[in-house]
Amino acid sequence: ADRAGRILRRTLRGQESQIARRSDYAGNLARLKNAVGEALCVVFHED
């Protein structure tokens, strides 16, 4: 819990960029759609 809490706080402060980048659905999807167009399928994990 201690280590995870520190990483969470660092993420929220912008100090864990690899975590933030993977959490950026808006940016990632925009880049994917622009690059691959109709070759992209998006689904919800829950579905």
All heavy atoms as atom14 arrays in JSON, in Angstrom:
{
  "sequence": "ADRAGRILRRTLRGQESQIARRSDYAGNLARLKNAVGEALCVVFHED",
  "atom14_mask": [
    [1, 1, 1, 1, 1, 0, 0, 0, 0, 0, 0, 0, 0, 0],
    [1, 1, 1, 1, 1, 1, 1, 1, 0, 0, 0, 0, 0, 0],
    [1, 1, 1, 1, 1, 1, 1, 1, 1, 1, 1, 0, 0, 0],
    [1, 1, 1, 1, 1, 0, 0, 0, 0, 0, 0, 0, 0, 0],
    [1, 1, 1, 1, 0, 0, 0, 0, 0, 0, 0, 0, 0, 0],
    [1, 1, 1, 1, 1, 1, 1, 1, 1, 1, 1, 0, 0, 0],
    [1, 1, 1, 1, 1, 1, 1, 1, 0, 0, 0, 0, 0, 0],
    [1, 1, 1, 1, 1, 1, 1, 1, 0, 0, 0, 0, 0, 0],
    [1, 1, 1, 1, 1, 1, 1, 1, 1, 1, 1, 0, 0, 0],
    [1, 1, 1, 1, 1, 1, 1, 1, 1, 1, 1, 0, 0, 0],
    [1, 1, 1, 1, 1, 1, 1, 0, 0, 0, 0, 0, 0, 0],
    [1, 1, 1, 1, 1, 1, 1, 1, 0, 0, 0, 0, 0, 0],
    [1, 1, 1, 1, 1, 1, 1, 1, 1, 1, 1, 0, 0, 0],
    [1, 1, 1, 1, 0, 0, 0, 0, 0, 0, 0, 0, 0, 0],
    [1, 1, 1, 1, 1, 1, 1, 1, 1, 0, 0, 0, 0, 0],
    [1, 1, 1, 1, 1, 1, 1, 1, 1, 0, 0, 0, 0, 0],
    [1, 1, 1, 1, 1, 1, 0, 0, 0, 0, 0, 0, 0, 0],
    [1, 1, 1, 1, 1, 1, 1, 1, 1, 0, 0, 0, 0, 0],
    [1, 1, 1, 1, 1, 1, 1, 1, 0, 0, 0, 0, 0, 0],
    [1, 1, 1, 1, 1, 0, 0, 0, 0, 0, 0, 0, 0, 0],
    [1, 1, 1, 1, 1, 1, 1, 1, 1, 1, 1, 0, 0, 0],
    [1, 1, 1, 1, 1, 1, 1, 1, 1, 1, 1, 0, 0, 0],
    [1, 1, 1, 1, 1, 1, 0, 0, 0, 0, 0, 0, 0, 0],
    [1, 1, 1, 1, 1, 1, 1, 1, 0, 0, 0, 0, 0, 0],
    [1, 1, 1, 1, 1, 1, 1, 1, 1, 1, 1, 1, 0, 0],
    [1, 1, 1, 1, 1, 0, 0, 0, 0, 0, 0, 0, 0, 0],
    [1, 1, 1, 1, 0, 0, 0, 0, 0, 0, 0, 0, 0, 0],
    [1, 1, 1, 1, 1, 1, 1, 1, 0, 0, 0, 0, 0, 0],
    [1, 1, 1, 1, 1, 1, 1, 1, 0, 0, 0, 0, 0, 0],
    [1, 1, 1, 1, 1, 0, 0, 0, 0, 0, 0, 0, 0, 0],
    [1, 1, 1, 1, 1, 1, 1, 1, 1, 1, 1, 0, 0, 0],
    [1, 1, 1, 1, 1, 1, 1, 1, 0, 0, 0, 0, 0, 0],
    [1, 1, 1, 1, 1, 1, 1, 1, 1, 0, 0, 0, 0, 0],
    [1, 1, 1, 1, 1, 1, 1, 1, 0, 0, 0, 0, 0, 0],
    [1, 1, 1, 1, 1, 0, 0, 0, 0, 0, 0, 0, 0, 0],
    [1, 1, 1, 1, 1, 1, 1, 0, 0, 0, 0, 0, 0, 0],
    [1, 1, 1, 1, 0, 0, 0, 0, 0, 0, 0, 0, 0, 0],
    [1, 1, 1, 1, 1, 1, 1, 1, 1, 0, 0, 0, 0, 0],
    [1, 1, 1, 1, 1, 0, 0, 0, 0, 0, 0, 0, 0, 0],
    [1, 1, 1, 1, 1, 1, 1, 1, 0, 0, 0, 0, 0, 0],
    [1, 1, 1, 1, 1, 1, 0, 0, 0, 0, 0, 0, 0, 0],
    [1, 1, 1, 1, 1, 1, 1, 0, 0, 0, 0, 0, 0, 0],
    [1, 1, 1, 1, 1, 1, 1, 0, 0, 0, 0, 0, 0, 0],
    [1, 1, 1, 1, 1, 1, 1, 1, 1, 1, 1, 0, 0, 0],
    [1, 1, 1, 1, 1, 1, 1, 1, 1, 1, 0, 0, 0, 0],
    [1, 1, 1, 1, 1, 1, 1, 1, 1, 0, 0, 0, 0, 0],
    [1, 1, 1, 1, 1, 1, 1, 1, 0, 0, 0, 0, 0, 0]
  ],
  "atom14_positions": [
    [[0.83, -1.2, 0.0], [0.0, 0.0, 0.0], [0.86, 1.25, 0.0], [0.54, 2.24, -0.65], [-0.94, -0.01, 1.2], [0.0, 0.0, 0.0], [0.0, 0.0, 0.0], [0.0, 0.0, 0.0], [0.0, 0.0, 0.0], [0.0, 0.0, 0.0], [0.0, 0.0, 0.0], [0.0, 0.0, 0.0], [0.0, 0.0, 0.0], [0.0, 0.0, 0.0]],
    [[1.98, 1.21, 0.72], [2.87, 2.36, 0.79], [3.47, 2.68, -0.58], [3.42, 3.82, -1.05], [3.99, 2.11, 1.81], [4.91, 3.3, 1.96], [4.42, 4.4, 2.26], [6.13, 3.12, 1.74], [0.0, 0.0, 0.0], [0.0, 0.0, 0.0], [0.0, 0.0, 0.0], [0.0, 0.0, 0.0], [0.0, 0.0, 0.0], [0.0, 0.0, 0.0]],
    [[4.01, 1.68, -1.25], [4.63, 1.88, -2.56], [3.58, 2.32, -3.59], [3.79, 3.25, -4.35], [5.34, 0.61, -3.02], [5.91, 0.67, -4.42], [7.16, 1.46, -4.52], [8.24, 0.72, -3.91], [9.5, 1.11, -3.94], [9.85, 2.21, -4.57], [10.44, 0.41, -3.33], [0.0, 0.0, 0.0], [0.0, 0.0, 0.0], [0.0, 0.0, 0.0]],
    [[2.45, 1.65, -3.6], [1.39, 2.0, -4.56], [0.88, 3.42, -4.31], [0.65, 4.17, -5.27], [0.25, 0.99, -4.48], [0.0, 0.0, 0.0], [0.0, 0.0, 0.0], [0.0, 0.0, 0.0], [0.0, 0.0, 0.0], [0.0, 0.0, 0.0], [0.0, 0.0, 0.0], [0.0, 0.0, 0.0], [0.0, 0.0, 0.0], [0.0, 0.0, 0.0]],
    [[0.74, 3.79, -3.05], [0.3, 5.14, -2.72], [1.28, 6.2, -3.19], [0.88, 7.26, -3.7], [0.0, 0.0, 0.0], [0.0, 0.0, 0.0], [0.0, 0.0, 0.0], [0.0, 0.0, 0.0], [0.0, 0.0, 0.0], [0.0, 0.0, 0.0], [0.0, 0.0, 0.0], [0.0, 0.0, 0.0], [0.0, 0.0, 0.0], [0.0, 0.0, 0.0]],
    [[2.57, 5.92, -3.03], [3.59, 6.88, -3.51], [3.53, 7.02, -5.02], [3.63, 8.11, -5.57], [4.98, 6.45, -3.06], [5.24, 6.74, -1.59], [6.69, 6.51, -1.25], [7.11, 5.2, -1.72], [7.76, 4.3, -1.01], [8.13, 4.59, 0.22], [8.09, 3.14, -1.49], [0.0, 0.0, 0.0], [0.0, 0.0, 0.0], [0.0, 0.0, 0.0]],
    [[3.38, 5.89, -5.72], [3.31, 5.94, -7.18], [2.05, 6.69, -7.62], [2.09, 7.49, -8.56], [3.36, 4.52, -7.78], [4.74, 3.91, -7.51], [3.06, 4.54, -9.28], [4.83, 2.43, -7.83], [0.0, 0.0, 0.0], [0.0, 0.0, 0.0], [0.0, 0.0, 0.0], [0.0, 0.0, 0.0], [0.0, 0.0, 0.0], [0.0, 0.0, 0.0]],
    [[0.95, 6.46, -6.93], [-0.28, 7.18, -7.25], [-0.08, 8.68, -7.07], [-0.43, 9.47, -7.97], [-1.43, 6.69, -6.36], [-2.71, 7.5, -6.41], [-3.27, 7.59, -7.82], [-3.74, 6.93, -5.45], [0.0, 0.0, 0.0], [0.0, 0.0, 0.0], [0.0, 0.0, 0.0], [0.0, 0.0, 0.0], [0.0, 0.0, 0.0], [0.0, 0.0, 0.0]],
    [[0.51, 9.1, -5.97], [0.74, 10.53, -5.74], [1.67, 11.11, -6.8], [1.44, 12.22, -7.3], [1.28, 10.76, -4.32], [0.23, 10.54, -3.24], [0.71, 10.96, -1.86], [1.83, 10.16, -1.38], [1.73, 8.97, -0.8], [0.54, 8.41, -0.64], [2.79, 8.34, -0.36], [0.0, 0.0, 0.0], [0.0, 0.0, 0.0], [0.0, 0.0, 0.0]],
    [[2.7, 10.36, -7.17], [3.61, 10.83, -8.22], [2.88, 10.94, -9.56], [3.12, 11.87, -10.33], [4.81, 9.88, -8.35], [5.8, 9.97, -7.19], [6.96, 8.99, -7.34], [7.58, 8.99, -8.65], [8.46, 9.9, -9.09], [8.82, 10.88, -8.3], [8.98, 9.8, -10.29], [0.0, 0.0, 0.0], [0.0, 0.0, 0.0], [0.0, 0.0, 0.0]],
    [[2.0, 10.0, -9.83], [1.22, 10.03, -11.08], [0.35, 11.28, -11.13], [0.33, 11.99, -12.14], [0.35, 8.76, -11.2], [1.2, 7.61, -11.21], [-0.48, 8.79, -12.47], [0.0, 0.0, 0.0], [0.0, 0.0, 0.0], [0.0, 0.0, 0.0], [0.0, 0.0, 0.0], [0.0, 0.0, 0.0], [0.0, 0.0, 0.0], [0.0, 0.0, 0.0]],
    [[-0.34, 11.56, -10.04], [-1.22, 12.72, -10.0], [-0.45, 14.03, -10.1], [-1.01, 15.04, -10.57], [-2.06, 12.69, -8.71], [-3.04, 11.52, -8.59], [-3.7, 11.51, -7.22], [-4.07, 11.55, -9.7], [0.0, 0.0, 0.0], [0.0, 0.0, 0.0], [0.0, 0.0, 0.0], [0.0, 0.0, 0.0], [0.0, 0.0, 0.0], [0.0, 0.0, 0.0]],
    [[0.82, 14.03, -9.7], [1.66, 15.23, -9.81], [2.36, 15.32, -11.17], [3.14, 16.24, -11.4], [2.71, 15.23, -8.7], [2.16, 15.48, -7.31], [3.26, 15.77, -6.3], [4.3, 14.76, -6.27], [4.45, 13.82, -5.35], [3.59, 13.75, -4.34], [5.44, 12.96, -5.39], [0.0, 0.0, 0.0], [0.0, 0.0, 0.0], [0.0, 0.0, 0.0]],
    [[2.13, 14.33, -12.04], [2.75, 14.36, -13.36], [4.15, 13.81, -13.4], [4.89, 14.05, -14.36], [0.0, 0.0, 0.0], [0.0, 0.0, 0.0], [0.0, 0.0, 0.0], [0.0, 0.0, 0.0], [0.0, 0.0, 0.0], [0.0, 0.0, 0.0], [0.0, 0.0, 0.0], [0.0, 0.0, 0.0], [0.0, 0.0, 0.0], [0.0, 0.0, 0.0]],
    [[4.54, 13.03, -12.4], [5.91, 12.51, -12.32], [6.03, 11.06, -12.76], [7.11, 10.49, -12.67], [6.42, 12.67, -10.88], [6.47, 14.11, -10.44], [6.75, 14.25, -8.96], [6.19, 13.52, -8.14], [7.6, 15.19, -8.61], [0.0, 0.0, 0.0], [0.0, 0.0, 0.0], [0.0, 0.0, 0.0], [0.0, 0.0, 0.0], [0.0, 0.0, 0.0]],
    [[4.96, 10.46, -13.22], [4.98, 9.08, -13.73], [4.39, 9.12, -15.14], [3.27, 8.69, -15.4], [4.17, 8.13, -12.82], [4.76, 7.93, -11.45], [5.93, 6.94, -11.42], [6.24, 6.32, -12.45], [6.54, 6.81, -10.34], [0.0, 0.0, 0.0], [0.0, 0.0, 0.0], [0.0, 0.0, 0.0], [0.0, 0.0, 0.0], [0.0, 0.0, 0.0]],
    [[5.18, 9.66, -16.06], [4.66, 9.93, -17.4], [4.21, 8.67, -18.14], [3.24, 8.71, -18.91], [5.69, 10.7, -18.23], [6.87, 9.93, -18.38], [0.0, 0.0, 0.0], [0.0, 0.0, 0.0], [0.0, 0.0, 0.0], [0.0, 0.0, 0.0], [0.0, 0.0, 0.0], [0.0, 0.0, 0.0], [0.0, 0.0, 0.0], [0.0, 0.0, 0.0]],
    [[4.88, 7.54, -17.92], [4.48, 6.32, -18.63], [3.09, 5.86, -18.2], [2.33, 5.32, -19.01], [5.51, 5.19, -18.47], [5.46, 4.44, -17.16], [6.06, 5.16, -15.96], [6.46, 6.32, -16.04], [6.1, 4.49, -14.83], [0.0, 0.0, 0.0], [0.0, 0.0, 0.0], [0.0, 0.0, 0.0], [0.0, 0.0, 0.0], [0.0, 0.0, 0.0]],
    [[2.74, 6.09, -16.96], [1.4, 5.74, -16.48], [0.38, 6.71, -17.06], [-0.67, 6.3, -17.54], [1.36, 5.71, -14.94], [2.27, 4.58, -14.41], [-0.07, 5.53, -14.43], [2.43, 4.56, -12.91], [0.0, 0.0, 0.0], [0.0, 0.0, 0.0], [0.0, 0.0, 0.0], [0.0, 0.0, 0.0], [0.0, 0.0, 0.0], [0.0, 0.0, 0.0]],
    [[0.7, 7.98, -17.03], [-0.22, 8.99, -17.57], [-0.47, 8.77, -19.06], [-1.61, 8.87, -19.52], [0.34, 10.38, -17.31], [0.0, 0.0, 0.0], [0.0, 0.0, 0.0], [0.0, 0.0, 0.0], [0.0, 0.0, 0.0], [0.0, 0.0, 0.0], [0.0, 0.0, 0.0], [0.0, 0.0, 0.0], [0.0, 0.0, 0.0], [0.0, 0.0, 0.0]],
    [[0.57, 8.46, -19.82], [0.4, 8.27, -21.26], [-0.52, 7.09, -21.56], [-1.33, 7.15, -22.48], [1.76, 8.04, -21.93], [2.61, 9.31, -21.99], [3.94, 9.08, -22.67], [3.73, 8.71, -24.06], [4.5, 7.84, -24.71], [5.51, 7.25, -24.12], [4.26, 7.55, -25.97], [0.0, 0.0, 0.0], [0.0, 0.0, 0.0], [0.0, 0.0, 0.0]],
    [[-0.41, 6.03, -20.82], [-1.27, 4.86, -21.05], [-2.71, 5.12, -20.61], [-3.62, 4.42, -21.01], [-0.7, 3.65, -20.32], [0.5, 3.06, -21.02], [1.17, 1.97, -20.19], [2.14, 1.22, -20.94], [3.37, 1.63, -21.22], [3.77, 2.82, -20.81], [4.2, 0.86, -21.9], [0.0, 0.0, 0.0], [0.0, 0.0, 0.0], [0.0, 0.0, 0.0]],
    [[-2.91, 6.14, -19.79], [-4.24, 6.49, -19.3], [-4.93, 7.53, -20.18], [-6.06, 7.9, -19.9], [-4.12, 7.04, -17.87], [-3.53, 6.08, -17.03], [0.0, 0.0, 0.0], [0.0, 0.0, 0.0], [0.0, 0.0, 0.0], [0.0, 0.0, 0.0], [0.0, 0.0, 0.0], [0.0, 0.0, 0.0], [0.0, 0.0, 0.0], [0.0, 0.0, 0.0]],
    [[-4.25, 7.98, -21.2], [-4.78, 9.05, -22.06], [-5.57, 8.47, -23.23], [-5.1, 8.43, -24.36], [-3.63, 9.92, -22.56], [-4.09, 11.08, -23.42], [-5.3, 11.39, -23.42], [-3.23, 11.68, -24.09], [0.0, 0.0, 0.0], [0.0, 0.0, 0.0], [0.0, 0.0, 0.0], [0.0, 0.0, 0.0], [0.0, 0.0, 0.0], [0.0, 0.0, 0.0]],
    [[-6.79, 8.01, -22.95], [-7.61, 7.44, -24.02], [-7.85, 8.46, -25.13], [-7.8, 8.11, -26.31], [-8.96, 6.99, -23.46], [-8.93, 5.7, -22.67], [-9.99, 5.36, -21.86], [-7.85, 4.82, -22.73], [-10.0, 4.18, -21.14], [-7.85, 3.64, -22.01], [-8.93, 3.33, -21.22], [-8.94, 2.15, -20.5], [0.0, 0.0, 0.0], [0.0, 0.0, 0.0]],
    [[-8.1, 9.7, -24.78], [-8.4, 10.73, -25.79], [-7.22, 10.9, -26.74], [-7.39, 10.88, -27.97], [-8.74, 12.05, -25.11], [0.0, 0.0, 0.0], [0.0, 0.0, 0.0], [0.0, 0.0, 0.0], [0.0, 0.0, 0.0], [0.0, 0.0, 0.0], [0.0, 0.0, 0.0], [0.0, 0.0, 0.0], [0.0, 0.0, 0.0], [0.0, 0.0, 0.0]],
    [[-6.03, 11.05, -26.22], [-4.85, 11.23, -27.06], [-4.49, 9.98, -27.85], [-4.19, 10.05, -29.05], [0.0, 0.0, 0.0], [0.0, 0.0, 0.0], [0.0, 0.0, 0.0], [0.0, 0.0, 0.0], [0.0, 0.0, 0.0], [0.0, 0.0, 0.0], [0.0, 0.0, 0.0], [0.0, 0.0, 0.0], [0.0, 0.0, 0.0], [0.0, 0.0, 0.0]],
    [[-4.55, 8.84, -27.18], [-4.19, 7.59, -27.86], [-5.17, 7.27, -28.98], [-4.77, 6.87, -30.08], [-4.15, 6.43, -26.85], [-3.02, 6.58, -25.85], [-2.05, 7.3, -26.09], [-3.16, 5.94, -24.72], [0.0, 0.0, 0.0], [0.0, 0.0, 0.0], [0.0, 0.0, 0.0], [0.0, 0.0, 0.0], [0.0, 0.0, 0.0], [0.0, 0.0, 0.0]],
    [[-6.45, 7.44, -28.72], [-7.44, 7.13, -29.75], [-7.38, 8.12, -30.92], [-7.55, 7.72, -32.07], [-8.85, 7.1, -29.15], [-9.17, 5.8, -28.43], [-10.42, 5.94, -27.59], [-9.32, 4.66, -29.42], [0.0, 0.0, 0.0], [0.0, 0.0, 0.0], [0.0, 0.0, 0.0], [0.0, 0.0, 0.0], [0.0, 0.0, 0.0], [0.0, 0.0, 0.0]],
    [[-7.13, 9.38, -30.62], [-7.01, 10.36, -31.71], [-5.84, 9.99, -32.62], [-5.96, 10.03, -33.85], [-6.82, 11.77, -31.13], [0.0, 0.0, 0.0], [0.0, 0.0, 0.0], [0.0, 0.0, 0.0], [0.0, 0.0, 0.0], [0.0, 0.0, 0.0], [0.0, 0.0, 0.0], [0.0, 0.0, 0.0], [0.0, 0.0, 0.0], [0.0, 0.0, 0.0]],
    [[-4.72, 9.63, -32.03], [-3.54, 9.25, -32.81], [-3.8, 7.98, -33.62], [-3.49, 7.89, -34.8], [-2.33, 9.08, -31.88], [-1.0, 8.97, -32.57], [0.19, 9.0, -31.62], [0.06, 8.1, -30.48], [-0.38, 8.45, -29.27], [-0.72, 9.7, -29.02], [-0.46, 7.56, -28.29], [0.0, 0.0, 0.0], [0.0, 0.0, 0.0], [0.0, 0.0, 0.0]],
    [[-4.42, 6.99, -32.98], [-4.74, 5.74, -33.67], [-5.72, 5.97, -34.83], [-5.49, 5.5, -35.94], [-5.35, 4.73, -32.69], [-4.36, 3.93, -31.85], [-5.04, 3.34, -30.64], [-3.72, 2.85, -32.7], [0.0, 0.0, 0.0], [0.0, 0.0, 0.0], [0.0, 0.0, 0.0], [0.0, 0.0, 0.0], [0.0, 0.0, 0.0], [0.0, 0.0, 0.0]],
    [[-6.8, 6.69, -34.57], [-7.79, 6.95, -35.63], [-7.16, 7.7, -36.8], [-7.44, 7.39, -37.96], [-8.97, 7.74, -35.06], [-9.9, 6.93, -34.2], [-11.03, 7.82, -33.67], [-11.91, 7.07, -32.72], [-12.98, 7.93, -32.17], [0.0, 0.0, 0.0], [0.0, 0.0, 0.0], [0.0, 0.0, 0.0], [0.0, 0.0, 0.0], [0.0, 0.0, 0.0]],
    [[-6.37, 8.67, -36.48], [-5.72, 9.46, -37.54], [-4.76, 8.6, -38.36], [-4.67, 8.76, -39.58], [-4.97, 10.65, -36.92], [-4.41, 11.58, -37.97], [-5.12, 11.98, -38.89], [-3.15, 11.9, -37.83], [0.0, 0.0, 0.0], [0.0, 0.0, 0.0], [0.0, 0.0, 0.0], [0.0, 0.0, 0.0], [0.0, 0.0, 0.0], [0.0, 0.0, 0.0]],
    [[-4.07, 7.68, -37.71], [-3.05, 6.89, -38.41], [-3.63, 5.67, -39.13], [-3.15, 5.33, -40.21], [-1.99, 6.43, -37.41], [0.0, 0.0, 0.0], [0.0, 0.0, 0.0], [0.0, 0.0, 0.0], [0.0, 0.0, 0.0], [0.0, 0.0, 0.0], [0.0, 0.0, 0.0], [0.0, 0.0, 0.0], [0.0, 0.0, 0.0], [0.0, 0.0, 0.0]],
    [[-4.63, 5.02, -38.56], [-5.08, 3.74, -39.14], [-6.52, 3.75, -39.62], [-6.97, 2.79, -40.24], [-4.83, 2.56, -38.17], [-3.37, 2.54, -37.72], [-5.76, 2.59, -36.98], [0.0, 0.0, 0.0], [0.0, 0.0, 0.0], [0.0, 0.0, 0.0], [0.0, 0.0, 0.0], [0.0, 0.0, 0.0], [0.0, 0.0, 0.0], [0.0, 0.0, 0.0]],
    [[-7.28, 4.78, -39.3], [-8.64, 4.94, -39.81], [-9.55, 3.76, -39.52], [-9.69, 3.31, -38.39], [0.0, 0.0, 0.0], [0.0, 0.0, 0.0], [0.0, 0.0, 0.0], [0.0, 0.0, 0.0], [0.0, 0.0, 0.0], [0.0, 0.0, 0.0], [0.0, 0.0, 0.0], [0.0, 0.0, 0.0], [0.0, 0.0, 0.0], [0.0, 0.0, 0.0]],
    [[-10.15, 3.22, -40.58], [-11.13, 2.14, -40.45], [-10.53, 0.81, -40.0], [-11.26, -0.11, -39.69], [-11.86, 1.94, -41.78], [-12.7, 3.13, -42.2], [-13.79, 3.45, -41.2], [-14.48, 2.5, -40.76], [-13.94, 4.63, -40.84], [0.0, 0.0, 0.0], [0.0, 0.0, 0.0], [0.0, 0.0, 0.0], [0.0, 0.0, 0.0], [0.0, 0.0, 0.0]],
    [[-9.22, 0.72, -39.96], [-8.57, -0.51, -39.49], [-8.67, -0.64, -37.97], [-8.28, -1.65, -37.41], [-7.11, -0.54, -39.93], [0.0, 0.0, 0.0], [0.0, 0.0, 0.0], [0.0, 0.0, 0.0], [0.0, 0.0, 0.0], [0.0, 0.0, 0.0], [0.0, 0.0, 0.0], [0.0, 0.0, 0.0], [0.0, 0.0, 0.0], [0.0, 0.0, 0.0]],
    [[-9.22, 0.4, -37.3], [-9.31, 0.41, -35.85], [-10.7, 0.0, -35.38], [-11.71, 0.49, -35.87], [-9.01, 1.82, -35.31], [-9.16, 2.02, -33.81], [-8.15, 1.19, -33.03], [-9.01, 3.5, -33.47], [0.0, 0.0, 0.0], [0.0, 0.0, 0.0], [0.0, 0.0, 0.0], [0.0, 0.0, 0.0], [0.0, 0.0, 0.0], [0.0, 0.0, 0.0]],
    [[-10.74, -0.91, -34.42], [-11.97, -1.3, -33.74], [-11.79, -1.0, -32.26], [-10.77, -1.36, -31.67], [-12.23, -2.8, -33.95], [-13.66, -3.44, -33.07], [0.0, 0.0, 0.0], [0.0, 0.0, 0.0], [0.0, 0.0, 0.0], [0.0, 0.0, 0.0], [0.0, 0.0, 0.0], [0.0, 0.0, 0.0], [0.0, 0.0, 0.0], [0.0, 0.0, 0.0]],
    [[-12.76, -0.32, -31.67], [-12.71, 0.03, -30.25], [-13.84, -0.69, -29.54], [-14.99, -0.64, -29.98], [-12.83, 1.55, -30.06], [-12.79, 1.91, -28.58], [-11.74, 2.28, -30.84], [0.0, 0.0, 0.0], [0.0, 0.0, 0.0], [0.0, 0.0, 0.0], [0.0, 0.0, 0.0], [0.0, 0.0, 0.0], [0.0, 0.0, 0.0], [0.0, 0.0, 0.0]],
    [[-13.52, -1.39, -28.47], [-14.52, -2.09, -27.67], [-14.28, -1.81, -26.19], [-13.17, -1.53, -25.77], [-14.52, -3.61, -27.92], [-14.92, -3.94, -29.34], [-13.2, -4.23, -27.56], [0.0, 0.0, 0.0], [0.0, 0.0, 0.0], [0.0, 0.0, 0.0], [0.0, 0.0, 0.0], [0.0, 0.0, 0.0], [0.0, 0.0, 0.0], [0.0, 0.0, 0.0]],
    [[-15.35, -1.91, -25.42], [-15.24, -1.81, -23.98], [-14.86, -3.17, -23.42], [-15.41, -4.19, -23.82], [-16.57, -1.37, -23.35], [-16.91, 0.07, -23.61], [-17.85, 0.41, -24.56], [-16.28, 1.08, -22.9], [-18.17, 1.74, -24.8], [-16.59, 2.41, -23.13], [-17.54, 2.74, -24.08], [0.0, 0.0, 0.0], [0.0, 0.0, 0.0], [0.0, 0.0, 0.0]],
    [[-13.94, -3.18, -22.49], [-13.52, -4.4, -21.81], [-14.72, -5.16, -21.27], [-14.81, -6.38, -21.37], [-12.54, -4.05, -20.7], [-12.06, -5.22, -19.92], [-12.65, -5.61, -18.74], [-11.05, -6.08, -20.14], [-12.02, -6.67, -18.28], [-11.05, -6.98, -19.09], [0.0, 0.0, 0.0], [0.0, 0.0, 0.0], [0.0, 0.0, 0.0], [0.0, 0.0, 0.0]],
    [[-15.66, -4.42, -20.69], [-16.84, -5.03, -20.06], [-17.72, -5.76, -21.08], [-18.49, -6.63, -20.71], [-17.66, -3.96, -19.34], [-16.95, -3.38, -18.12], [-15.86, -2.35, -18.46], [-15.71, -1.95, -19.63], [-15.14, -1.96, -17.53], [0.0, 0.0, 0.0], [0.0, 0.0, 0.0], [0.0, 0.0, 0.0], [0.0, 0.0, 0.0], [0.0, 0.0, 0.0]],
    [[-17.62, -5.39, -22.36], [-18.44, -6.02, -23.4], [-17.76, -7.23, -24.04], [-18.4, -7.95, -24.8], [-18.76, -5.01, -24.51], [-19.65, -3.9, -24.03], [-20.33, -4.07, -22.99], [-19.66, -2.83, -24.67], [0.0, 0.0, 0.0], [0.0, 0.0, 0.0], [0.0, 0.0, 0.0], [0.0, 0.0, 0.0], [0.0, 0.0, 0.0], [0.0, 0.0, 0.0]]
  ]
}
